[in-house]
C-alpha atoms as a PDB file:
ATOM      1  CA  UNK A   1      50.370  74.368 147.251  1.00  0.00           C
ATOM      2  CA  UNK A   2      52.687  76.849 148.955  1.00  0.00           C
ATOM      3  CA  UNK A   3      55.067  74.052 149.924  1.00  0.00           C
ATOM      4  CA  UNK A   4      55.105  72.765 146.363  1.00  0.00           C
ATOM      5  CA  UNK A   5      55.907  76.275 145.094  1.00  0.00           C
ATOM      6  CA  UNK A   6      58.782  76.604 147.531  1.00  0.00           C
ATOM      7  CA  UNK A   7      60.047  73.149 146.613  1.00  0.00           C
ATOM      8  CA  UNK A   8      60.096  74.141 142.929  1.00  0.00           C
ATOM      9  CA  UNK A   9      62.027  77.325 143.745  1.00  0.00           C
ATOM     10  CA  UNK A  10      64.554  75.382 145.822  1.00  0.00           C
ATOM     11  CA  UNK A  11      65.005  72.888 142.978  1.00  0.00           C
ATOM     12  CA  UNK A  12      65.513  75.707 140.467  1.00  0.00           C
ATOM     13  CA  UNK A  13      68.110  77.435 142.653  1.00  0.00           C
ATOM     14  CA  UNK A  14      69.868  74.124 143.230  1.00  0.00           C
ATOM     15  CA  UNK A  15      69.949  73.466 139.503  1.00  0.00           C
ATOM     16  CA  UNK A  16      71.408  76.888 138.822  1.00  0.00           C
ATOM     17  CA  UNK A  17      74.035  76.394 141.508  1.00  0.00           C
ATOM     18  CA  UNK A  18      75.020  73.026 140.069  1.00  0.00           C
ATOM     19  CA  UNK A  19      75.214  74.490 136.559  1.00  0.00           C
ATOM     20  CA  UNK A  20      77.225  77.447 137.830  1.00  0.00           C
ATOM     21  CA  UNK A  21      79.539  75.134 139.758  1.00  0.00           C
ATOM     22  CA  UNK A  22      80.090  73.042 136.626  1.00  0.00           C
ATOM     23  CA  UNK A  23      80.916  76.157 134.630  1.00  0.00           C
ATOM     24  CA  UNK A  24      83.342  77.404 137.301  1.00  0.00           C
ATOM     25  CA  UNK A  25      84.986  73.983 137.473  1.00  0.00           C
ATOM     26  CA  UNK A  26      85.373  73.826 133.687  1.00  0.00           C
ATOM     27  CA  UNK A  27      86.878  77.305 133.561  1.00  0.00           C
ATOM     28  CA  UNK A  28      89.222  76.604 136.483  1.00  0.00           C
ATOM     29  CA  UNK A  29      90.400  73.363 134.897  1.00  0.00           C
ATOM     30  CA  UNK A  30      91.050  75.040 131.542  1.00  0.00           C
ATOM     31  CA  UNK A  31      92.882  78.015 133.044  1.00  0.00           C
ATOM     32  CA  UNK A  32      95.968  76.010 133.872  1.00  0.00           C
ATOM     33  CA  UNK A  33      96.296  74.133 130.601  1.00  0.00           C
ATOM     34  CA  UNK A  34      96.548  74.566 126.861  1.00  0.00           C
ATOM     35  CA  UNK A  35      94.584  71.395 126.126  1.00  0.00           C
ATOM     36  CA  UNK A  36      92.132  72.498 123.413  1.00  0.00           C
ATOM     37  CA  UNK A  37      89.460  70.053 124.599  1.00  0.00           C
ATOM     38  CA  UNK A  38      89.458  71.538 128.103  1.00  0.00           C
ATOM     39  CA  UNK A  39      89.464  75.052 126.710  1.00  0.00           C
ATOM     40  CA  UNK A  40      86.592  74.128 124.392  1.00  0.00           C
ATOM     41  CA  UNK A  41      84.626  72.736 127.342  1.00  0.00           C
ATOM     42  CA  UNK A  42      85.159  75.948 129.287  1.00  0.00           C
ATOM     43  CA  UNK A  43      84.231  78.079 126.272  1.00  0.00           C
ATOM     44  CA  UNK A  44      81.073  76.033 125.730  1.00  0.00           C
ATOM     45  CA  UNK A  45      79.990  76.959 129.245  1.00  0.00           C
ATOM     46  CA  UNK A  46      80.510  80.640 128.440  1.00  0.00           C
ATOM     47  CA  UNK A  47      79.083  80.556 124.915  1.00  0.00           C
ATOM     48  CA  UNK A  48      76.692  77.606 124.786  1.00  0.00           C
ATOM     49  CA  UNK A  49      75.080  78.692 121.496  1.00  0.00           C
ATOM     50  CA  UNK A  50      78.349  79.155 119.595  1.00  0.00           C
ATOM     51  CA  UNK A  51      79.409  76.269 117.366  1.00  0.00           C
ATOM     52  CA  UNK A  52      83.157  75.827 117.853  1.00  0.00           C
ATOM     53  CA  UNK A  53      84.779  74.175 114.830  1.00  0.00           C
ATOM     54  CA  UNK A  54      88.471  74.423 115.791  1.00  0.00           C
ATOM     55  CA  UNK A  55      90.728  75.599 118.619  1.00  0.00           C
ATOM     56  CA  UNK A  56      94.504  76.121 118.415  1.00  0.00           C
ATOM     57  CA  UNK A  57      96.291  76.897 121.684  1.00  0.00           C
ATOM     58  CA  UNK A  58      99.841  76.332 120.382  1.00  0.00           C
ATOM     59  CA  UNK A  59     100.245  79.084 117.798  1.00  0.00           C
ATOM     60  CA  UNK A  60     100.257  82.085 120.165  1.00  0.00           C
ATOM     61  CA  UNK A  61     101.596  81.769 123.704  1.00  0.00           C
ATOM     62  CA  UNK A  62      98.912  82.308 126.323  1.00  0.00           C
ATOM     63  CA  UNK A  63      96.102  82.693 123.798  1.00  0.00           C
ATOM     64  CA  UNK A  64      93.891  80.230 121.970  1.00  0.00           C
ATOM     65  CA  UNK A  65      92.714  80.877 118.429  1.00  0.00           C
ATOM     66  CA  UNK A  66      89.068  79.892 118.032  1.00  0.00           C
ATOM     67  CA  UNK A  67      87.274  79.205 114.766  1.00  0.00           C
ATOM     68  CA  UNK A  68      83.498  79.294 114.876  1.00  0.00           C
ATOM     69  CA  UNK A  69      82.491  78.355 111.339  1.00  0.00           C
ATOM     70  CA  UNK A  70      83.748  81.300 109.249  1.00  0.00           C
ATOM     71  CA  UNK A  71      84.441  83.518 112.274  1.00  0.00           C
ATOM     72  CA  UNK A  72      87.754  83.845 114.076  1.00  0.00           C
ATOM     73  CA  UNK A  73      88.444  85.170 117.574  1.00  0.00           C
ATOM     74  CA  UNK A  74      90.810  84.598 120.491  1.00  0.00           C
ATOM     75  CA  UNK A  75      90.438  83.707 124.176  1.00  0.00           C
ATOM     76  CA  UNK A  76      92.716  83.163 127.146  1.00  0.00           C
ATOM     77  CA  UNK A  77      93.139  79.568 128.357  1.00  0.00           C
ATOM     78  CA  UNK A  78      90.544  80.065 131.049  1.00  0.00           C
ATOM     79  CA  UNK A  79      87.956  81.198 128.485  1.00  0.00           C
ATOM     80  CA  UNK A  80      87.329  84.348 130.518  1.00  0.00           C
ATOM     81  CA  UNK A  81      88.593  87.033 128.153  1.00  0.00           C
ATOM     82  CA  UNK A  82      87.350  87.082 124.573  1.00  0.00           C
ATOM     83  CA  UNK A  83      89.471  89.037 122.077  1.00  0.00           C
ATOM     84  CA  UNK A  84      88.099  90.191 118.730  1.00  0.00           C
ATOM     85  CA  UNK A  85      90.563  91.736 116.291  1.00  0.00           C
ATOM     86  CA  UNK A  86      93.825  91.076 114.485  1.00  0.00           C
ATOM     87  CA  UNK A  87      96.977  89.531 115.882  1.00  0.00           C
ATOM     88  CA  UNK A  88     100.287  90.713 114.416  1.00  0.00           C
ATOM     89  CA  UNK A  89     103.656  89.047 114.896  1.00  0.00           C
ATOM     90  CA  UNK A  90     105.980  92.049 115.095  1.00  0.00           C
ATOM     91  CA  UNK A  91     109.106  89.915 114.736  1.00  0.00           C
ATOM     92  CA  UNK A  92     108.106  88.266 111.472  1.00  0.00           C
ATOM     93  CA  UNK A  93     105.952  91.216 110.317  1.00  0.00           C
ATOM     94  CA  UNK A  94     103.013  88.878 109.728  1.00  0.00           C
ATOM     95  CA  UNK A  95      99.305  89.405 110.196  1.00  0.00           C
ATOM     96  CA  UNK A  96      98.488  86.022 111.743  1.00  0.00           C
ATOM     97  CA  UNK A  97      94.753  86.647 111.606  1.00  0.00           C
ATOM     98  CA  UNK A  98      94.795  87.478 107.892  1.00  0.00           C
ATOM     99  CA  UNK A  99      96.865  84.387 107.131  1.00  0.00           C
ATOM    100  CA  UNK A 100      94.452  82.178 109.072  1.00  0.00           C
ATOM    101  CA  UNK A 101      91.378  83.722 107.427  1.00  0.00           C
ATOM    102  CA  UNK A 102      92.940  83.035 104.046  1.00  0.00           C
ATOM    103  CA  UNK A 103      93.527  79.400 105.018  1.00  0.00           C
ATOM    104  CA  UNK A 104      89.876  79.135 106.033  1.00  0.00           C
ATOM    105  CA  UNK A 105      88.668  80.668 102.762  1.00  0.00           C
ATOM    106  CA  UNK A 106      91.313  80.867 100.006  1.00  0.00           C
ATOM    107  CA  UNK A 107      88.903  82.620  97.636  1.00  0.00           C
ATOM    108  CA  UNK A 108      88.299  85.643  99.828  1.00  0.00           C
ATOM    109  CA  UNK A 109      91.176  87.638  98.297  1.00  0.00           C
ATOM    110  CA  UNK A 110      90.443  86.890  94.673  1.00  0.00           C
ATOM    111  CA  UNK A 111      89.151  89.991  92.923  1.00  0.00           C
ATOM    112  CA  UNK A 112      86.639  90.043  90.119  1.00  0.00           C
ATOM    113  CA  UNK A 113      86.262  86.310  89.768  1.00  0.00           C
ATOM    114  CA  UNK A 114      83.694  85.409  92.396  1.00  0.00           C
ATOM    115  CA  UNK A 115      84.238  82.269  94.443  1.00  0.00           C
ATOM    116  CA  UNK A 116      86.715  80.571  92.142  1.00  0.00           C
ATOM    117  CA  UNK A 117      88.618  77.503  93.254  1.00  0.00           C
ATOM    118  CA  UNK A 118      92.119  76.358  92.434  1.00  0.00           C
ATOM    119  CA  UNK A 119      90.736  74.168  89.653  1.00  0.00           C
ATOM    120  CA  UNK A 120      88.993  76.949  87.791  1.00  0.00           C
ATOM    121  CA  UNK A 121      91.812  77.948  85.402  1.00  0.00           C
ATOM    122  CA  UNK A 122      90.026  76.505  82.386  1.00  0.00           C
ATOM    123  CA  UNK A 123      86.783  78.319  83.212  1.00  0.00           C
ATOM    124  CA  UNK A 124      88.695  81.583  83.665  1.00  0.00           C
ATOM    125  CA  UNK A 125      90.217  81.202  80.218  1.00  0.00           C
ATOM    126  CA  UNK A 126      86.847  80.396  78.714  1.00  0.00           C
ATOM    127  CA  UNK A 127      85.319  83.495  80.341  1.00  0.00           C
ATOM    128  CA  UNK A 128      88.160  85.660  79.085  1.00  0.00           C
ATOM    129  CA  UNK A 129      87.744  84.342  75.550  1.00  0.00           C
ATOM    130  CA  UNK A 130      83.938  84.565  75.493  1.00  0.00           C
ATOM    131  CA  UNK A 131      82.326  86.314  72.473  1.00  0.00           C
ATOM    132  CA  UNK A 132      81.416  89.339  74.558  1.00  0.00           C
ATOM    133  CA  UNK A 133      85.000  89.690  75.791  1.00  0.00           C
ATOM    134  CA  UNK A 134      87.330  88.833  72.904  1.00  0.00           C
ATOM    135  CA  UNK A 135      90.263  90.791  74.382  1.00  0.00           C
ATOM    136  CA  UNK A 136      90.164  88.994  77.733  1.00  0.00           C
ATOM    137  CA  UNK A 137      90.253  92.353  79.537  1.00  0.00           C
ATOM    138  CA  UNK A 138      88.236  93.153  82.658  1.00  0.00           C
ATOM    139  CA  UNK A 139      88.741  96.907  82.327  1.00  0.00           C
ATOM    140  CA  UNK A 140      90.944  99.738  81.157  1.00  0.00           C
ATOM    141  CA  UNK A 141      92.828 102.473  83.022  1.00  0.00           C
ATOM    142  CA  UNK A 142      94.960 105.418  81.959  1.00  0.00           C
ATOM    143  CA  UNK A 143      98.513 104.049  81.524  1.00  0.00           C
ATOM    144  CA  UNK A 144      99.922 107.515  82.276  1.00  0.00           C
ATOM    145  CA  UNK A 145      98.269 107.443  85.717  1.00  0.00           C
ATOM    146  CA  UNK A 146      99.806 104.035  86.364  1.00  0.00           C
ATOM    147  CA  UNK A 147     103.239 105.248  85.293  1.00  0.00           C
ATOM    148  CA  UNK A 148     102.916 108.236  87.636  1.00  0.00           C
ATOM    149  CA  UNK A 149     102.778 106.047  90.745  1.00  0.00           C
ATOM    150  CA  UNK A 150     105.925 106.470  92.883  1.00  0.00           C
ATOM    151  CA  UNK A 151     108.754 103.983  92.446  1.00  0.00           C
ATOM    152  CA  UNK A 152     109.048 103.736  96.223  1.00  0.00           C
ATOM    153  CA  UNK A 153     105.850 101.660  96.321  1.00  0.00           C
ATOM    154  CA  UNK A 154     107.046  99.000  93.897  1.00  0.00           C
ATOM    155  CA  UNK A 155     109.387  96.038  93.641  1.00  0.00           C
ATOM    156  CA  UNK A 156     110.667  95.370  90.114  1.00  0.00           C
ATOM    157  CA  UNK A 157     111.497  91.797  89.119  1.00  0.00           C
ATOM    158  CA  UNK A 158     112.294  89.935  85.958  1.00  0.00           C
ATOM    159  CA  UNK A 159     113.390  91.153  82.562  1.00  0.00           C
ATOM    160  CA  UNK A 160     111.636  91.425  79.268  1.00  0.00           C
ATOM    161  CA  UNK A 161     110.574  93.747  76.506  1.00  0.00           C
ATOM    162  CA  UNK A 162     107.111  94.056  78.032  1.00  0.00           C
ATOM    163  CA  UNK A 163     105.959  95.007  81.510  1.00  0.00           C
ATOM    164  CA  UNK A 164     103.112  93.938  83.757  1.00  0.00           C
ATOM    165  CA  UNK A 165     102.103  95.717  86.951  1.00  0.00           C
ATOM    166  CA  UNK A 166     100.592  93.510  89.629  1.00  0.00           C
ATOM    167  CA  UNK A 167      98.630  94.810  92.629  1.00  0.00           C
ATOM    168  CA  UNK A 168      99.028  92.067  95.196  1.00  0.00           C
ATOM    169  CA  UNK A 169      98.648  91.055  98.829  1.00  0.00           C
ATOM    170  CA  UNK A 170     101.396  88.926 100.338  1.00  0.00           C
ATOM    171  CA  UNK A 171      98.872  86.713 102.130  1.00  0.00           C
ATOM    172  CA  UNK A 172      96.861  86.030  98.974  1.00  0.00           C
ATOM    173  CA  UNK A 173      97.266  82.464  97.723  1.00  0.00           C
ATOM    174  CA  UNK A 174      96.447  83.422  94.145  1.00  0.00           C
ATOM    175  CA  UNK A 175      98.984  86.260  94.296  1.00  0.00           C
ATOM    176  CA  UNK A 176     101.706  83.812  95.248  1.00  0.00           C
ATOM    177  CA  UNK A 177     100.646  81.501  92.451  1.00  0.00           C
ATOM    178  CA  UNK A 178     100.672  84.368  89.945  1.00  0.00           C
ATOM    179  CA  UNK A 179     104.088  85.483  91.208  1.00  0.00           C
ATOM    180  CA  UNK A 180     105.466  82.000  90.573  1.00  0.00           C
ATOM    181  CA  UNK A 181     103.884  81.849  87.108  1.00  0.00           C
ATOM    182  CA  UNK A 182     105.208  85.246  86.020  1.00  0.00           C
ATOM    183  CA  UNK A 183     108.699  84.221  87.118  1.00  0.00           C
ATOM    184  CA  UNK A 184     108.656  81.654  84.290  1.00  0.00           C
ATOM    185  CA  UNK A 185     107.842  84.260  81.618  1.00  0.00           C
ATOM    186  CA  UNK A 186     110.112  86.682  79.803  1.00  0.00           C
ATOM    187  CA  UNK A 187     108.437  89.752  81.277  1.00  0.00           C
ATOM    188  CA  UNK A 188     109.296  92.622  83.585  1.00  0.00           C
ATOM    189  CA  UNK A 189     107.021  92.604  86.643  1.00  0.00           C
ATOM    190  CA  UNK A 190     106.320  95.672  88.759  1.00  0.00           C
ATOM    191  CA  UNK A 191     104.761  94.380  91.984  1.00  0.00           C
ATOM    192  CA  UNK A 192     102.778  96.953  93.937  1.00  0.00           C
ATOM    193  CA  UNK A 193     101.626  95.651  97.342  1.00  0.00           C
ATOM    194  CA  UNK A 194      98.239  96.678  98.706  1.00  0.00           C
ATOM    195  CA  UNK A 195      96.722  95.660 102.023  1.00  0.00           C
ATOM    196  CA  UNK A 196      93.430  93.813 101.641  1.00  0.00           C
ATOM    197  CA  UNK A 197      93.364  91.971 104.975  1.00  0.00           C
ATOM    198  CA  UNK A 198      95.494  94.150 107.193  1.00  0.00           C
ATOM    199  CA  UNK A 199      98.858  93.096 105.756  1.00  0.00           C
ATOM    200  CA  UNK A 200     100.333  96.599 105.640  1.00  0.00           C
ATOM    201  CA  UNK A 201     103.161  95.751 108.112  1.00  0.00           C
ATOM    202  CA  UNK A 202     104.350  92.999 105.763  1.00  0.00           C
ATOM    203  CA  UNK A 203     104.304  95.363 102.775  1.00  0.00           C
ATOM    204  CA  UNK A 204     106.283  97.947 104.719  1.00  0.00           C
ATOM    205  CA  UNK A 205     108.877  95.345 105.716  1.00  0.00           C
ATOM    206  CA  UNK A 206     109.284  94.338 102.053  1.00  0.00           C
ATOM    207  CA  UNK A 207     109.560  97.910 100.767  1.00  0.00           C
ATOM    208  CA  UNK A 208     112.128  98.808 103.447  1.00  0.00           C
ATOM    209  CA  UNK A 209     114.186  95.626 103.043  1.00  0.00           C
ATOM    210  CA  UNK A 210     117.759  96.004 101.736  1.00  0.00           C
ATOM    211  CA  UNK A 211     117.039  93.241  99.211  1.00  0.00           C
ATOM    212  CA  UNK A 212     113.449  93.792  98.117  1.00  0.00           C
ATOM    213  CA  UNK A 213     113.309  90.868  95.708  1.00  0.00           C
ATOM    214  CA  UNK A 214     114.419  88.462  98.408  1.00  0.00           C
ATOM    215  CA  UNK A 215     111.937  90.031 100.821  1.00  0.00           C
ATOM    216  CA  UNK A 216     109.106  89.387  98.344  1.00  0.00           C
ATOM    217  CA  UNK A 217     109.982  85.679  98.296  1.00  0.00           C
ATOM    218  CA  UNK A 218     110.148  85.604 102.095  1.00  0.00           C
ATOM    219  CA  UNK A 219     106.781  87.339 102.360  1.00  0.00           C
ATOM    220  CA  UNK A 220     105.061  84.900 100.017  1.00  0.00           C
ATOM    221  CA  UNK A 221     106.643  81.934 101.797  1.00  0.00           C
ATOM    222  CA  UNK A 222     105.292  83.209 105.116  1.00  0.00           C
ATOM    223  CA  UNK A 223     108.708  83.386 106.755  1.00  0.00           C
ATOM    224  CA  UNK A 224     110.572  86.128 108.563  1.00  0.00           C
ATOM    225  CA  UNK A 225     111.505  89.080 106.359  1.00  0.00           C
ATOM    226  CA  UNK A 226     115.060  90.355 106.377  1.00  0.00           C
ATOM    227  CA  UNK A 227     114.154  93.968 107.063  1.00  0.00           C
ATOM    228  CA  UNK A 228     116.181  97.140 107.161  1.00  0.00           C
ATOM    229  CA  UNK A 229     115.709 100.501 108.810  1.00  0.00           C
ATOM    230  CA  UNK A 230     112.448 102.396 108.561  1.00  0.00           C
ATOM    231  CA  UNK A 231     111.967 104.026 105.192  1.00  0.00           C
ATOM    232  CA  UNK A 232     109.535 106.107 103.171  1.00  0.00           C
ATOM    233  CA  UNK A 233     106.378 104.021 102.757  1.00  0.00           C
ATOM    234  CA  UNK A 234     104.157 106.685 101.210  1.00  0.00           C
ATOM    235  CA  UNK A 235     104.441 104.770  97.940  1.00  0.00           C
ATOM    236  CA  UNK A 236     102.246 102.096  99.533  1.00  0.00           C
ATOM    237  CA  UNK A 237      99.682 104.768 100.372  1.00  0.00           C
ATOM    238  CA  UNK A 238      99.687 105.760  96.701  1.00  0.00           C
ATOM    239  CA  UNK A 239      99.193 102.114  95.657  1.00  0.00           C
ATOM    240  CA  UNK A 240      96.175 101.718  97.905  1.00  0.00           C
ATOM    241  CA  UNK A 241      94.641 105.040  96.889  1.00  0.00           C
ATOM    242  CA  UNK A 242      95.073 104.068  93.227  1.00  0.00           C
ATOM    243  CA  UNK A 243      93.493 100.659  93.893  1.00  0.00           C
ATOM    244  CA  UNK A 244      90.489 102.209  95.649  1.00  0.00           C
ATOM    245  CA  UNK A 245      90.007 104.779  92.888  1.00  0.00           C
ATOM    246  CA  UNK A 246      89.938 102.107  90.207  1.00  0.00           C
ATOM    247  CA  UNK A 247      87.829  99.588  92.098  1.00  0.00           C
ATOM    248  CA  UNK A 248      90.561  97.046  92.802  1.00  0.00           C
ATOM    249  CA  UNK A 249      88.771  95.446  95.748  1.00  0.00           C
ATOM    250  CA  UNK A 250      90.610  92.125  95.617  1.00  0.00           C
ATOM    251  CA  UNK A 251      93.943  90.701  94.599  1.00  0.00           C
ATOM    252  CA  UNK A 252      95.706  90.007  92.368  1.00  0.00           C
ATOM    253  CA  UNK A 253      95.005  92.665  89.753  1.00  0.00           C
ATOM    254  CA  UNK A 254      97.178  92.597  86.629  1.00  0.00           C
ATOM    255  CA  UNK A 255      97.666  95.720  84.503  1.00  0.00           C
ATOM    256  CA  UNK A 256      99.302  95.731  81.089  1.00  0.00           C
ATOM    257  CA  UNK A 257     101.447  98.578  79.738  1.00  0.00           C
ATOM    258  CA  UNK A 258      98.542  99.896  77.659  1.00  0.00           C
ATOM    259  CA  UNK A 259      96.262 100.061  80.720  1.00  0.00           C
ATOM    260  CA  UNK A 260      94.316  96.832  80.096  1.00  0.00           C
ATOM    261  CA  UNK A 261      93.253  95.195  83.357  1.00  0.00           C
ATOM    262  CA  UNK A 262      92.418  91.656  84.424  1.00  0.00           C
ATOM    263  CA  UNK A 263      91.266  90.690  87.913  1.00  0.00           C
ATOM    264  CA  UNK A 264      92.344  87.470  89.559  1.00  0.00           C
ATOM    265  CA  UNK A 265      94.834  84.763  88.738  1.00  0.00           C
ATOM    266  CA  UNK A 266      95.416  83.749  85.116  1.00  0.00           C
ATOM    267  CA  UNK A 267      97.378  80.693  83.931  1.00  0.00           C
ATOM    268  CA  UNK A 268     100.565  80.879  81.907  1.00  0.00           C
ATOM    269  CA  UNK A 269      98.878  80.209  78.548  1.00  0.00           C
ATOM    270  CA  UNK A 270      96.494  83.124  78.974  1.00  0.00           C
ATOM    271  CA  UNK A 271      99.239  85.468  80.160  1.00  0.00           C
ATOM    272  CA  UNK A 272     101.483  84.661  77.211  1.00  0.00           C
ATOM    273  CA  UNK A 273      98.699  85.414  74.753  1.00  0.00           C
ATOM    274  CA  UNK A 274      97.468  88.479  76.651  1.00  0.00           C
ATOM    275  CA  UNK A 275     100.964  89.983  76.766  1.00  0.00           C
ATOM    276  CA  UNK A 276     101.126  89.930  72.977  1.00  0.00           C
ATOM    277  CA  UNK A 277      98.217  92.349  72.843  1.00  0.00           C
ATOM    278  CA  UNK A 278     100.101  95.047  74.742  1.00  0.00           C
ATOM    279  CA  UNK A 279     101.663  98.089  73.171  1.00  0.00           C
ATOM    280  CA  UNK A 280     105.343  97.723  72.384  1.00  0.00           C
END
């Protein structure tokens, strides 16, 4: 019986050594490459219970971006060091993590509309025109408080007799879509950036750019922003404080001159009709 017990212990130790050797070999093999399959094999040895859905080792030099279902983290090529947090590109002023999270879940930045998809324009219009909401508004704020926000936190675009203020995030897909839609209307747009997913560096680059309108286009296109010297960015602080105070937890948020508020993207037809309800 004693011999059998010792034999079992020897077998267990041998099994552990083999498993450990396999893990070390996988890690060593991955350390000198950026092959995602090798990195995934090494990571699976480290985190056997984590379901890896995607690995990108090309985007950031020396680091692999790992998607585990709806979670995002980073590791070195040897799968030894795990990094949890945000990655910023200081040359392009982009929050790479925020952009990737938005790609994974485009609805995460849409405020007030739940988990709407790109095909939900008709349902949004129907909700806005429902009997209990004939005006299409999602809320009302004091227009004087809106007007009191500093000009340094805004980019003014377009021309028209009427004005819309948009609280937006430059990594929000619906914000970009709204920006493109408003550009086709005869309306003055006051864009006030807020940071929902850590995009403050992008907003600062836009506000400090010598050509702010061009910088807005660059920010929405995801390219490098032609930035200028450092400038006063306290206007962005005021935007975010205003958004928090009024419960603007997502983007975009559209505010009419009379203080009427709608959350989320709205199609051109709705916007044209909704604008007519504003005070002249």
